[in-house]
Amino acid sequence: MFEQGTFIRIGVQEITRLGATPKDMPYLAGILRDCLDGKDVRAEVAALKSRLSTIKYSFDPLA
């Protein structure tokens, strides 16, 4: 079924539920790229997680 190659599936719904917007996605992609390149991304992940710490739902307005 998944014979096209190696890939990563990302749960975009979950990160948007935490308040991420389309503007956050390039930064998140950069973190993932750096991680796959073997770089230490713990500080970046901690900073992103501290900013995106409130669960939101589809009926909550994005600030």
N, C-alpha and C. Protein backbone atom coordinates (compact mmCIF):
# COMPACT_ATOMS: atom_id res chain seq x y z
N MET A 1 0.82 -1.20 0.00
CA MET A 1 0.00 0.00 0.00
C MET A 1 0.86 1.26 0.00
N PHE A 2 1.85 1.33 0.89
CA PHE A 2 2.70 2.53 1.00
C PHE A 2 4.08 2.21 0.44
N GLU A 3 4.15 1.94 -0.83
CA GLU A 3 5.40 1.57 -1.47
C GLU A 3 6.03 2.72 -2.24
N GLN A 4 5.55 3.94 -2.04
CA GLN A 4 6.05 5.09 -2.78
C GLN A 4 7.37 5.59 -2.21
N GLY A 5 7.69 5.27 -0.98
CA GLY A 5 8.93 5.74 -0.37
C GLY A 5 8.71 6.08 1.09
N THR A 6 9.69 6.70 1.67
CA THR A 6 9.63 7.06 3.07
C THR A 6 8.89 8.38 3.22
N PHE A 7 8.03 8.46 4.20
CA PHE A 7 7.28 9.69 4.43
C PHE A 7 6.95 9.83 5.90
N ILE A 8 6.52 11.00 6.27
CA ILE A 8 6.07 11.29 7.63
C ILE A 8 4.66 11.83 7.54
N ARG A 9 3.78 11.26 8.32
CA ARG A 9 2.40 11.77 8.36
C ARG A 9 2.28 12.66 9.58
N ILE A 10 1.81 13.86 9.38
CA ILE A 10 1.70 14.84 10.46
C ILE A 10 0.23 15.11 10.74
N GLY A 11 -0.14 15.08 12.01
CA GLY A 11 -1.51 15.38 12.40
C GLY A 11 -1.72 16.89 12.48
N VAL A 12 -1.97 17.51 11.35
CA VAL A 12 -2.16 18.96 11.30
C VAL A 12 -3.35 19.37 12.15
N GLN A 13 -4.38 18.53 12.23
CA GLN A 13 -5.55 18.87 13.03
C GLN A 13 -5.16 19.13 14.48
N GLU A 14 -4.26 18.32 15.00
CA GLU A 14 -3.90 18.47 16.41
C GLU A 14 -3.15 19.77 16.67
N ILE A 15 -2.21 20.12 15.81
CA ILE A 15 -1.46 21.35 16.05
C ILE A 15 -2.33 22.59 15.82
N THR A 16 -3.28 22.50 14.90
CA THR A 16 -4.19 23.64 14.73
C THR A 16 -5.15 23.73 15.91
N ARG A 17 -5.50 22.61 16.47
CA ARG A 17 -6.35 22.61 17.66
C ARG A 17 -5.64 23.29 18.84
N LEU A 18 -4.33 23.28 18.81
CA LEU A 18 -3.54 23.95 19.85
C LEU A 18 -3.31 25.43 19.53
N GLY A 19 -3.84 25.90 18.40
CA GLY A 19 -3.76 27.32 18.09
C GLY A 19 -2.82 27.70 16.96
N ALA A 20 -2.18 26.72 16.33
CA ALA A 20 -1.29 27.04 15.20
C ALA A 20 -2.11 27.55 14.03
N THR A 21 -1.52 28.46 13.29
CA THR A 21 -2.17 29.03 12.11
C THR A 21 -1.30 28.71 10.89
N PRO A 22 -1.78 29.02 9.70
CA PRO A 22 -0.95 28.79 8.50
C PRO A 22 0.41 29.48 8.58
N LYS A 23 0.50 30.58 9.30
CA LYS A 23 1.78 31.28 9.43
C LYS A 23 2.80 30.46 10.22
N ASP A 24 2.34 29.53 11.07
CA ASP A 24 3.23 28.70 11.87
C ASP A 24 3.80 27.51 11.10
N MET A 25 3.16 27.14 10.00
CA MET A 25 3.54 25.92 9.30
C MET A 25 4.95 25.95 8.69
N PRO A 26 5.42 27.04 8.10
CA PRO A 26 6.80 27.04 7.60
C PRO A 26 7.82 26.86 8.74
N TYR A 27 7.53 27.46 9.89
CA TYR A 27 8.44 27.29 11.04
C TYR A 27 8.44 25.83 11.50
N LEU A 28 7.26 25.23 11.57
CA LEU A 28 7.16 23.82 11.96
C LEU A 28 7.89 22.94 10.94
N ALA A 29 7.72 23.23 9.66
CA ALA A 29 8.42 22.46 8.63
C ALA A 29 9.93 22.58 8.79
N GLY A 30 10.40 23.77 9.15
CA GLY A 30 11.84 23.96 9.38
C GLY A 30 12.34 23.12 10.55
N ILE A 31 11.55 23.06 11.60
CA ILE A 31 11.92 22.23 12.75
C ILE A 31 12.01 20.76 12.33
N LEU A 32 11.02 20.31 11.58
CA LEU A 32 11.04 18.91 11.12
C LEU A 32 12.24 18.64 10.22
N ARG A 33 12.54 19.58 9.32
CA ARG A 33 13.70 19.41 8.44
C ARG A 33 14.99 19.32 9.26
N ASP A 34 15.14 20.24 10.22
CA ASP A 34 16.34 20.22 11.05
C ASP A 34 16.45 18.92 11.84
N CYS A 35 15.32 18.44 12.36
CA CYS A 35 15.32 17.19 13.11
C CYS A 35 15.77 16.03 12.22
N LEU A 36 15.23 15.96 11.02
CA LEU A 36 15.61 14.90 10.10
C LEU A 36 17.07 15.00 9.66
N ASP A 37 17.62 16.21 9.72
CA ASP A 37 19.04 16.40 9.41
C ASP A 37 19.93 16.10 10.61
N GLY A 38 19.33 15.69 11.72
CA GLY A 38 20.10 15.30 12.90
C GLY A 38 20.42 16.43 13.85
N LYS A 39 19.81 17.59 13.66
CA LYS A 39 20.08 18.73 14.53
C LYS A 39 19.25 18.62 15.82
N ASP A 40 19.76 19.22 16.86
CA ASP A 40 19.05 19.25 18.14
C ASP A 40 18.00 20.36 18.07
N VAL A 41 16.75 20.00 18.10
CA VAL A 41 15.65 20.96 17.96
C VAL A 41 14.83 21.09 19.24
N ARG A 42 15.36 20.58 20.34
CA ARG A 42 14.59 20.59 21.59
C ARG A 42 14.19 21.99 22.02
N ALA A 43 15.06 22.96 21.89
CA ALA A 43 14.74 24.33 22.32
C ALA A 43 13.63 24.92 21.45
N GLU A 44 13.70 24.68 20.15
CA GLU A 44 12.67 25.20 19.25
C GLU A 44 11.31 24.55 19.52
N VAL A 45 11.33 23.23 19.76
CA VAL A 45 10.08 22.53 20.06
C VAL A 45 9.50 23.01 21.38
N ALA A 46 10.33 23.20 22.39
CA ALA A 46 9.85 23.70 23.68
C ALA A 46 9.24 25.09 23.55
N ALA A 47 9.88 25.95 22.76
CA ALA A 47 9.35 27.30 22.56
C ALA A 47 8.01 27.26 21.83
N LEU A 48 7.91 26.44 20.81
CA LEU A 48 6.65 26.32 20.07
C LEU A 48 5.56 25.74 20.95
N LYS A 49 5.91 24.72 21.71
CA LYS A 49 4.93 24.08 22.60
C LYS A 49 4.45 25.04 23.69
N SER A 50 5.34 25.88 24.19
CA SER A 50 4.91 26.81 25.24
C SER A 50 3.95 27.86 24.68
N ARG A 51 4.12 28.21 23.41
CA ARG A 51 3.24 29.19 22.78
C ARG A 51 1.91 28.57 22.35
N LEU A 52 1.95 27.30 22.00
CA LEU A 52 0.74 26.60 21.56
C LEU A 52 0.30 25.61 22.63
N SER A 53 -0.15 26.13 23.75
CA SER A 53 -0.47 25.27 24.88
C SER A 53 -1.94 25.26 25.27
N THR A 54 -2.77 26.05 24.59
CA THR A 54 -4.18 26.10 24.93
C THR A 54 -4.98 25.37 23.86
N ILE A 55 -5.73 24.38 24.29
CA ILE A 55 -6.54 23.63 23.34
C ILE A 55 -7.71 24.49 22.89
N LYS A 56 -7.90 24.52 21.59
CA LYS A 56 -9.00 25.27 20.98
C LYS A 56 -9.86 24.28 20.20
N TYR A 57 -11.03 24.66 19.91
CA TYR A 57 -11.94 23.81 19.15
C TYR A 57 -12.41 24.57 17.93
N SER A 58 -13.09 23.92 17.04
CA SER A 58 -13.47 24.54 15.77
C SER A 58 -14.38 25.74 15.95
N PHE A 59 -15.10 25.81 17.04
CA PHE A 59 -15.98 26.94 17.24
C PHE A 59 -15.33 28.09 18.01
N ASP A 60 -14.06 27.91 18.43
CA ASP A 60 -13.34 28.99 19.10
C ASP A 60 -12.66 29.86 18.06
N PRO A 61 -12.72 31.18 18.20
CA PRO A 61 -12.03 32.06 17.25
C PRO A 61 -10.52 31.99 17.44
N LEU A 62 -9.78 32.03 16.35
CA LEU A 62 -8.31 32.08 16.43
C LEU A 62 -7.91 33.52 16.70
N ALA A 63 -7.01 33.68 17.65
CA ALA A 63 -6.56 35.04 17.99
C ALA A 63 -5.32 35.40 17.22
